[in-house]
Amino acid sequence: MALLAGILLHYQATRSLAFDALDVAHPTLATYLVMAGFILNAAVPPLHAWLPDAYGEATFSGSVFLCAFTTKTAVYALCRGLPGLDLLVPLGVIMALYGVVYAVLENDCRRLLAYHIISQVGYMVAAVGLGDPGTPLGELAINGACAHAFAHILYKGLLFMGCGTVLHQTGESRFTHLGGLYARMPWTFVFTLIGGLSISAFPLFSGFVSKSMIVAAGFESHQLWVGFGLMLASSGTFLHTGLKVPYFIWFGARHASPAVWERARDPGWNMTAAMVITSALCVFIGCYTPYLYERLPFPVDYHPYTSYHLSETMQVLLFTALGFFLFLRYLVPEPTISLDLDWFYRRGGRAFLWLAQWPIRRLDEWVGRALPTQRVGAFDAGG
C-alpha cells in the first residue's frame, strides 16, 4: 500500500510511470513512500520481523529459494530507484549491526541465518545510500551492492542447504539439541563451512571480493563511522556464522538424543550435488574476480587482493576467532526466545482484534436479550 501510494503521487506530479531513478536530492512524500515499500521488503528494522519468522519456519528447501528472491528484489529496486538517498546509509549500518546481535543470541540455526540476512542486506542498503549517481565513489558503491547481492544468494543458499540438511536428516535445527555430528555428517560440515567462510569475507571466497567494495566505499566517502560499523558487523558475522554454527552443530558438547544421533547422516546424491555446485561457485568467484566484476553495472577499478586489505581482513578474522574460543563458555546457546521489535506491533494487533470484535460482541448480547431462550428437552439414554 505504501508503494502504491508513492507510485500514484509520483504519477500525479510527473505524469509518468517510468521506473527511473527518483530525485533523491529533493525527496518528496512520494519518494519516501516508495522507499518505505522497498525497505519493508528489504527487512529494515523495525519492519523486519517477517523475515526470521518466514525463513525460520519454511521447508528445508523452500528457505533456499527465499534467499534468492525476496530481499534481493528490494535491493535491485533500491539500486534502480533510490541510489544516493542519504537516509539509506544509517539504515543500512543499523541493519548490519542489528542482525548480527540477534543472530548471536539465536538458538535455532535457521533463524540465526535468517537474522543474518538482515545484517547482510544492511551492507547493500548502505551501499545504495552511498551510490551517488555519476561519481566514481557512487559507481563503486552500486557495484558493491550488486556484487554482494549476487554473492549473498550463493553463500546464503549454501548455508541454508547445510542447515536444512541437518533439519531434514535429524528433525532438529536447535543448537541445544545437536552437537558432535561431525562423525555422522562430515561432508555437510565441509559445505556449510565453505558457506560460513564465504559470508565472513574470508580471502579466496566470494564474500571477500564483494563485501570489501562496500566497506571501501564507506571509508572513501570519509564517513568513518560507516566503514568501521560495517567492519564491526563483519567481525560479528564470522563470530556466529563462521564459528558458532559449525562448532555447535558438528563439534562442541553432544546434546543430540539417541534418535537424532541415529538419523544423522550425509544426504543423498542430489542434495550433495547441489551443495558441491554452490560451494564451487563460492570459491570460483572468490578466486577469479573478473567473472563477477565484468557483469556489474559500471566498469570496475577495484582490486581486493592487496597486501593492506589482506592483512586488515586477516587481523579482524583471527582476533574474532581468538575471542570466540576465549569466551566460548559465554556463547553457549540457551533454549530461550529473544523478544524482537515485533512485540510492540503484536500488542497493537491484539488491540485491533479486540476493537474489530467489539461490535460483534455487542450484537450478540443484544440478540441474547431480544430473543427468548428456548429449552430443548434432553435426549434419553437411547438417543
Protein backbone atom coordinates (compact mmCIF):
# COMPACT_ATOMS: atom_id res chain seq x y z
CA MET A 1 0.00 0.00 0.00
CA ALA A 2 2.87 2.39 0.76
CA LEU A 3 4.50 1.60 -2.57
CA LEU A 4 1.22 2.03 -4.46
CA ALA A 5 0.54 5.35 -2.75
CA GLY A 6 4.03 6.54 -3.65
CA ILE A 7 3.57 5.49 -7.29
CA LEU A 8 0.25 7.34 -7.54
CA LEU A 9 1.68 10.53 -6.03
CA HIS A 10 4.70 10.29 -8.34
CA TYR A 11 2.42 9.88 -11.35
CA GLN A 12 0.32 12.85 -10.25
CA ALA A 13 3.44 15.02 -10.11
CA THR A 14 5.24 13.78 -13.26
CA ARG A 15 2.55 12.12 -15.40
CA SER A 16 4.98 9.24 -15.91
CA LEU A 17 5.13 5.67 -14.63
CA ALA A 18 8.65 5.07 -15.96
CA PHE A 19 10.79 3.46 -13.28
CA ASP A 20 13.82 5.71 -13.35
CA ALA A 21 15.99 6.98 -10.53
CA LEU A 22 13.93 9.32 -8.36
CA ASP A 23 15.13 12.79 -7.41
CA VAL A 24 16.81 11.97 -4.10
CA ALA A 25 18.36 15.44 -3.84
CA HIS A 26 14.86 16.88 -3.31
CA PRO A 27 12.81 13.97 -1.94
CA THR A 28 9.03 14.31 -1.81
CA LEU A 29 6.36 12.38 0.04
CA ALA A 30 6.13 10.09 -2.98
CA THR A 31 9.88 9.35 -2.70
CA TYR A 32 9.59 8.41 0.97
CA LEU A 33 6.52 6.24 0.40
CA VAL A 34 8.27 4.33 -2.40
CA MET A 35 11.28 3.96 -0.13
CA ALA A 36 9.07 2.66 2.70
CA GLY A 37 7.66 -0.04 0.44
CA PHE A 38 11.11 -1.13 -0.69
CA ILE A 39 12.76 -1.12 2.75
CA LEU A 40 9.92 -3.21 4.21
CA ASN A 41 10.68 -5.77 1.52
CA ALA A 42 14.38 -5.43 2.42
CA ALA A 43 13.52 -6.12 6.11
CA VAL A 44 14.87 -2.89 7.55
CA PRO A 45 14.22 -2.71 11.33
CA PRO A 46 11.69 -2.24 12.82
CA LEU A 47 9.84 -3.67 9.78
CA HIS A 48 11.90 -6.85 9.65
CA ALA A 49 10.19 -9.45 11.84
CA TRP A 50 8.51 -11.15 8.89
CA LEU A 51 11.90 -12.38 7.67
CA PRO A 52 13.11 -14.60 10.55
CA ASP A 53 9.55 -15.86 11.04
CA ALA A 54 9.26 -16.82 7.36
CA TYR A 55 12.74 -18.20 6.71
CA GLY A 56 12.93 -20.00 10.05
CA GLU A 57 9.65 -21.84 9.50
CA ALA A 58 9.89 -22.55 5.77
CA THR A 59 10.59 -26.03 4.45
CA PHE A 60 14.25 -27.01 4.34
CA SER A 61 14.33 -26.47 0.56
CA GLY A 62 11.90 -23.53 0.43
CA SER A 63 14.21 -21.34 2.50
CA VAL A 64 16.90 -21.73 -0.18
CA PHE A 65 14.59 -20.20 -2.78
CA LEU A 66 13.62 -17.40 -0.40
CA CYS A 67 17.31 -16.41 -0.23
CA ALA A 68 17.32 -15.72 -3.95
CA PHE A 69 14.04 -13.92 -4.49
CA THR A 70 12.78 -11.90 -1.52
CA THR A 71 15.16 -9.29 -0.15
CA LYS A 72 17.24 -9.26 -3.35
CA THR A 73 14.31 -7.85 -5.32
CA ALA A 74 14.23 -4.98 -2.83
CA VAL A 75 17.96 -4.37 -3.26
CA TYR A 76 17.53 -4.33 -7.04
CA ALA A 77 14.65 -1.87 -6.78
CA LEU A 78 16.63 0.41 -4.43
CA CYS A 79 19.60 0.37 -6.83
CA ARG A 80 17.31 1.34 -9.69
CA GLY A 81 15.13 3.88 -7.96
CA LEU A 82 16.90 5.45 -4.98
CA PRO A 83 20.69 5.49 -5.46
CA GLY A 84 22.33 8.16 -3.35
CA LEU A 85 19.48 8.64 -0.85
CA ASP A 86 21.37 9.63 2.30
CA LEU A 87 18.80 8.16 4.69
CA LEU A 88 19.64 4.66 3.47
CA VAL A 89 23.22 4.86 4.81
CA PRO A 90 22.38 4.92 8.57
CA LEU A 91 19.53 2.46 7.98
CA GLY A 92 21.95 0.04 6.32
CA VAL A 93 24.57 0.29 9.08
CA ILE A 94 21.87 -0.23 11.74
CA MET A 95 20.65 -3.29 9.83
CA ALA A 96 24.17 -4.72 9.61
CA LEU A 97 24.71 -4.45 13.37
CA TYR A 98 21.15 -5.29 14.43
CA GLY A 99 21.07 -8.57 12.53
CA VAL A 100 24.43 -9.62 13.98
CA VAL A 101 23.29 -9.05 17.58
CA TYR A 102 20.14 -11.14 17.21
CA ALA A 103 21.99 -13.84 15.29
CA VAL A 104 24.46 -14.22 18.17
CA LEU A 105 21.54 -14.65 20.61
CA GLU A 106 19.62 -17.16 18.47
CA ASN A 107 19.37 -20.86 19.38
CA ASP A 108 17.83 -22.11 16.12
CA CYS A 109 20.37 -22.34 13.31
CA ARG A 110 17.93 -21.42 10.55
CA ARG A 111 16.58 -18.41 12.46
CA LEU A 112 20.21 -17.40 13.05
CA LEU A 113 20.81 -17.44 9.31
CA ALA A 114 17.57 -15.50 8.77
CA TYR A 115 18.60 -12.77 11.18
CA HIS A 116 21.92 -12.61 9.47
CA ILE A 117 20.22 -11.93 6.14
CA ILE A 118 19.10 -8.67 7.74
CA SER A 119 22.74 -7.91 8.51
CA GLN A 120 23.99 -8.75 5.02
CA VAL A 121 21.23 -6.82 3.26
CA GLY A 122 22.24 -3.90 5.50
CA TYR A 123 25.55 -3.74 3.62
CA MET A 124 23.65 -3.49 0.34
CA VAL A 125 21.22 -0.85 1.63
CA ALA A 126 24.11 1.27 2.93
CA ALA A 127 25.87 0.88 -0.42
CA VAL A 128 22.78 2.16 -2.26
CA GLY A 129 22.77 5.19 0.05
CA LEU A 130 26.42 5.83 -0.82
CA GLY A 131 25.75 5.31 -4.53
CA ASP A 132 25.57 8.93 -5.64
CA PRO A 133 24.97 8.67 -9.41
CA GLY A 134 27.66 9.90 -11.77
CA THR A 135 30.58 9.77 -9.33
CA PRO A 136 33.36 7.15 -9.09
CA LEU A 137 32.51 6.57 -5.43
CA GLY A 138 28.83 6.12 -6.27
CA GLU A 139 29.67 3.63 -9.01
CA LEU A 140 31.90 1.68 -6.62
CA ALA A 141 29.10 1.55 -4.04
CA ILE A 142 26.43 0.40 -6.52
CA ASN A 143 28.83 -2.19 -7.95
CA GLY A 144 29.43 -3.40 -4.39
CA ALA A 145 25.70 -3.69 -3.70
CA CYS A 146 25.10 -5.70 -6.88
CA ALA A 147 28.16 -7.91 -6.38
CA HIS A 148 27.28 -8.60 -2.76
CA ALA A 149 23.67 -9.42 -3.65
CA PHE A 150 24.88 -11.98 -6.18
CA ALA A 151 27.45 -13.48 -3.81
CA HIS A 152 24.87 -13.49 -1.00
CA ILE A 153 22.44 -15.60 -3.00
CA LEU A 154 25.11 -18.26 -3.39
CA TYR A 155 26.63 -18.44 0.08
CA LYS A 156 23.40 -17.90 1.98
CA GLY A 157 21.69 -20.52 -0.16
CA LEU A 158 24.58 -22.88 0.62
CA LEU A 159 24.25 -22.20 4.36
CA PHE A 160 20.51 -22.85 4.27
CA MET A 161 21.21 -26.07 2.35
CA GLY A 162 23.65 -27.18 5.05
CA CYS A 163 21.39 -26.33 7.99
CA GLY A 164 18.37 -27.57 6.04
CA THR A 165 20.14 -30.88 5.50
CA VAL A 166 20.67 -31.17 9.26
CA LEU A 167 16.98 -30.47 9.82
CA HIS A 168 15.92 -32.89 7.06
CA GLN A 169 18.13 -35.71 8.30
CA THR A 170 17.74 -35.30 12.07
CA GLY A 171 14.48 -33.40 12.51
CA GLU A 172 16.30 -30.80 14.65
CA SER A 173 17.65 -27.31 13.99
CA ARG A 174 18.25 -26.11 17.56
CA PHE A 175 21.83 -25.95 18.80
CA THR A 176 20.75 -27.21 22.21
CA HIS A 177 19.56 -30.46 20.57
CA LEU A 178 22.55 -31.03 18.29
CA GLY A 179 26.33 -31.17 18.69
CA GLY A 180 29.05 -33.65 17.81
CA LEU A 181 27.59 -34.50 14.40
CA TYR A 182 30.89 -34.32 12.53
CA ALA A 183 31.35 -38.08 12.85
CA ARG A 184 27.93 -38.61 11.23
CA MET A 185 27.74 -35.77 8.66
CA PRO A 186 31.31 -34.79 7.65
CA TRP A 187 30.55 -33.65 4.09
CA THR A 188 27.64 -31.50 5.17
CA PHE A 189 30.02 -29.84 7.64
CA VAL A 190 32.57 -29.11 4.88
CA PHE A 191 30.00 -27.48 2.61
CA THR A 192 28.47 -25.44 5.42
CA LEU A 193 31.94 -24.30 6.47
CA ILE A 194 32.59 -23.06 2.93
CA GLY A 195 29.38 -21.04 3.16
CA GLY A 196 30.45 -19.68 6.54
CA LEU A 197 33.88 -18.63 5.24
CA SER A 198 32.26 -17.02 2.19
CA ILE A 199 29.80 -14.96 4.21
CA SER A 200 32.61 -13.96 6.60
CA ALA A 201 34.58 -12.45 3.69
CA PHE A 202 37.48 -14.85 4.13
CA PRO A 203 40.12 -14.46 1.37
CA LEU A 204 39.64 -16.75 -1.65
CA PHE A 205 35.88 -16.92 -1.01
CA SER A 206 33.09 -14.94 -2.66
CA GLY A 207 32.20 -12.57 0.18
CA PHE A 208 35.76 -11.23 0.26
CA VAL A 209 35.55 -9.75 -3.25
CA SER A 210 32.06 -8.22 -2.84
CA LYS A 211 31.73 -7.04 0.77
CA SER A 212 35.10 -5.27 0.63
CA MET A 213 33.84 -3.00 -2.16
CA ILE A 214 31.11 -1.66 0.13
CA VAL A 215 33.43 -1.19 3.10
CA ALA A 216 35.92 0.62 0.86
CA ALA A 217 33.13 2.90 -0.41
CA GLY A 218 32.25 3.72 3.20
CA PHE A 219 35.81 4.76 4.03
CA GLU A 220 36.33 6.62 0.75
CA SER A 221 33.18 8.65 1.43
CA HIS A 222 35.03 10.00 4.52
CA GLN A 223 32.26 8.66 6.74
CA LEU A 224 34.46 6.65 9.05
CA TRP A 225 31.53 5.53 11.21
CA VAL A 226 30.10 3.75 8.15
CA GLY A 227 33.32 1.89 7.38
CA PHE A 228 34.04 0.92 10.98
CA GLY A 229 30.40 -0.03 11.62
CA LEU A 230 30.39 -2.40 8.67
CA MET A 231 33.75 -3.86 9.72
CA LEU A 232 32.36 -4.49 13.21
CA ALA A 233 29.38 -6.25 11.65
CA SER A 234 31.78 -8.33 9.56
CA SER A 235 33.54 -9.46 12.73
CA GLY A 236 30.17 -10.48 14.21
CA THR A 237 29.38 -12.38 11.03
CA PHE A 238 32.46 -14.57 11.41
CA LEU A 239 31.68 -15.00 15.11
CA HIS A 240 28.26 -16.59 14.66
CA THR A 241 28.08 -17.93 11.09
CA GLY A 242 31.70 -18.84 10.54
CA LEU A 243 32.32 -20.19 14.04
CA LYS A 244 29.14 -20.63 16.10
CA VAL A 245 27.12 -22.57 13.51
CA PRO A 246 29.82 -25.14 12.61
CA TYR A 247 31.04 -25.53 16.19
CA PHE A 248 27.75 -26.08 17.98
CA ILE A 249 26.27 -28.36 15.29
CA TRP A 250 29.25 -30.52 14.37
CA PHE A 251 31.56 -30.16 17.35
CA GLY A 252 31.12 -29.00 20.93
CA ALA A 253 29.14 -30.90 23.54
CA ARG A 254 26.87 -33.59 22.17
CA HIS A 255 23.26 -32.73 23.06
CA ALA A 256 21.67 -34.88 20.36
CA SER A 257 19.26 -37.51 21.61
CA PRO A 258 19.87 -41.15 20.62
CA ALA A 259 17.11 -40.89 18.00
CA VAL A 260 18.62 -37.74 16.47
CA TRP A 261 22.08 -39.31 16.52
CA GLU A 262 20.87 -42.41 14.68
CA ARG A 263 19.09 -40.38 11.99
CA ALA A 264 22.10 -38.11 11.37
CA ARG A 265 23.95 -38.90 8.15
CA ASP A 266 25.04 -37.10 4.99
CA PRO A 267 22.18 -36.66 2.48
CA GLY A 268 21.58 -38.36 -0.85
CA TRP A 269 23.46 -37.60 -4.04
CA ASN A 270 21.07 -34.90 -5.26
CA MET A 271 21.32 -32.75 -2.10
CA THR A 272 25.07 -33.32 -2.00
CA ALA A 273 25.42 -32.31 -5.66
CA ALA A 274 23.56 -29.04 -5.00
CA MET A 275 25.95 -28.17 -2.17
CA VAL A 276 29.00 -29.18 -4.23
CA ILE A 277 27.98 -26.90 -7.13
CA THR A 278 27.22 -23.93 -4.88
CA SER A 279 30.44 -24.42 -2.90
CA ALA A 280 32.44 -24.50 -6.13
CA LEU A 281 30.83 -21.24 -7.27
CA CYS A 282 31.63 -19.55 -3.95
CA VAL A 283 35.30 -20.49 -4.32
CA PHE A 284 35.41 -19.71 -8.06
CA ILE A 285 34.04 -16.18 -7.63
CA GLY A 286 36.41 -15.54 -4.76
CA CYS A 287 39.46 -16.65 -6.73
CA TYR A 288 38.60 -15.37 -10.22
CA THR A 289 37.20 -11.86 -9.68
CA PRO A 290 36.75 -10.89 -13.39
CA TYR A 291 33.87 -13.36 -13.72
CA LEU A 292 31.80 -11.30 -11.27
CA TYR A 293 33.25 -7.84 -11.84
CA GLU A 294 32.67 -7.90 -15.61
CA ARG A 295 28.94 -8.36 -15.03
CA LEU A 296 28.44 -5.35 -12.76
CA PRO A 297 26.59 -2.23 -13.97
CA PHE A 298 29.69 0.03 -14.05
CA PRO A 299 33.33 -0.57 -15.02
CA VAL A 300 35.24 -1.85 -12.00
CA ASP A 301 38.50 -0.26 -10.93
CA TYR A 302 38.93 -2.12 -7.66
CA HIS A 303 41.41 -4.78 -6.58
CA PRO A 304 40.53 -6.69 -3.40
CA TYR A 305 43.75 -8.71 -3.19
CA THR A 306 46.09 -6.03 -1.94
CA SER A 307 48.51 -6.60 0.93
CA TYR A 308 46.76 -3.93 3.02
CA HIS A 309 43.30 -5.40 2.56
CA LEU A 310 44.51 -8.96 3.13
CA SER A 311 46.31 -8.07 6.36
CA GLU A 312 43.37 -5.97 7.58
CA THR A 313 40.89 -8.77 6.92
CA MET A 314 43.01 -11.49 8.49
CA GLN A 315 43.55 -9.40 11.63
CA VAL A 316 39.80 -8.92 12.06
CA LEU A 317 39.02 -12.60 11.44
CA LEU A 318 41.80 -14.06 13.57
CA PHE A 319 41.13 -11.81 16.56
CA THR A 320 37.43 -12.68 16.26
CA ALA A 321 38.33 -16.39 16.33
CA LEU A 322 40.55 -15.82 19.36
CA GLY A 323 37.71 -14.04 21.15
CA PHE A 324 35.29 -16.83 20.28
CA PHE A 325 37.38 -19.54 21.89
CA LEU A 326 38.39 -17.39 24.88
CA PHE A 327 34.75 -16.57 25.68
CA LEU A 328 33.26 -19.83 24.43
CA ARG A 329 31.50 -20.62 27.70
CA TYR A 330 29.57 -17.34 27.46
CA LEU A 331 28.48 -18.09 23.89
CA VAL A 332 26.90 -21.49 24.60
CA PRO A 333 23.35 -21.39 23.13
CA GLU A 334 20.42 -21.37 25.53
CA PRO A 335 16.87 -22.58 24.80
CA THR A 336 15.34 -19.12 25.01
CA ILE A 337 13.27 -16.91 22.71
CA SER A 338 14.59 -13.39 22.11
CA LEU A 339 11.95 -10.67 22.12
CA ASP A 340 12.16 -8.54 19.00
CA LEU A 341 10.62 -5.23 17.95
CA ASP A 342 7.58 -7.04 16.57
CA TRP A 343 6.48 -7.40 20.22
CA PHE A 344 5.16 -3.84 20.05
CA TYR A 345 3.05 -4.16 16.94
CA ARG A 346 1.82 -7.58 18.01
CA ARG A 347 0.33 -5.76 21.01
CA GLY A 348 -1.24 -3.33 18.57
CA GLY A 349 -2.60 -6.27 16.61
CA ARG A 350 -4.35 -7.62 19.70
CA ALA A 351 -5.88 -4.20 20.35
CA PHE A 352 -7.10 -4.02 16.75
CA LEU A 353 -8.60 -7.52 17.04
CA TRP A 354 -10.46 -6.54 20.22
CA LEU A 355 -11.78 -3.39 18.50
CA ALA A 356 -12.87 -5.37 15.43
CA GLN A 357 -14.71 -7.91 17.58
CA TRP A 358 -16.40 -5.33 19.82
CA PRO A 359 -19.47 -4.70 17.54
CA ILE A 360 -19.95 -8.46 17.16
CA ARG A 361 -19.94 -8.94 20.93
CA ARG A 362 -22.43 -6.08 21.40
CA LEU A 363 -24.70 -7.54 18.69
CA ASP A 364 -24.51 -10.98 20.27
CA GLU A 365 -25.53 -9.56 23.65
CA TRP A 366 -28.41 -7.60 22.10
CA VAL A 367 -29.72 -10.69 20.29
CA GLY A 368 -29.46 -12.65 23.53
CA ARG A 369 -31.62 -10.11 25.34
CA ALA A 370 -34.13 -9.63 22.50
CA LEU A 371 -34.90 -13.29 21.73
CA PRO A 372 -36.40 -15.58 24.38
CA THR A 373 -34.35 -18.57 25.39
CA GLN A 374 -35.96 -21.90 24.49
CA ARG A 375 -35.25 -25.02 26.44
CA VAL A 376 -34.57 -28.15 24.44
CA GLY A 377 -35.53 -31.46 26.04
CA ALA A 378 -32.69 -33.78 26.88
CA PHE A 379 -32.29 -36.93 24.87
CA ASP A 380 -32.87 -40.16 26.67
CA ALA A 381 -30.09 -42.67 27.13
CA GLY A 382 -31.01 -44.40 23.87
CA GLY A 383 -30.51 -41.26 21.84
